[in-house]
């Protein structure tokens, strides 16, 4: 499928790349402004760099912009378990228990203990 040059130009003019430094978040937070929704996309599907960036950005959205909800693409049973933990309704005592990797995910994809304190 050929690349639509108009769409490519629109993406380049209206997106903010993040390549690893939290110092880059300042312009992104300014761009977000008073938006009610922020969509965070990625192409890696499971790298620790993305999980770290997403956790840092999500924290800033909550603390600096007043966001009160986060929706994430996830396997339903795993996401439900995490949601029950967050709401204090689950049987899990610790975040790391609620965020165990489903056997359906390849290694490195899905919830990891690495970010239970992020």
Foldseek 3Di string as FASTA:
>chain_A
DDDDPVVVVVCVVLDQDDDADPVSCPVVVVSCPQPLDDDDDDDPQFDPRVVVVVVVVVVCCCPPNVHDDDDDDADVVLVVLLVCVVVVNHPDPANQVSFDDDPVDDPRHGGHPVVSPD
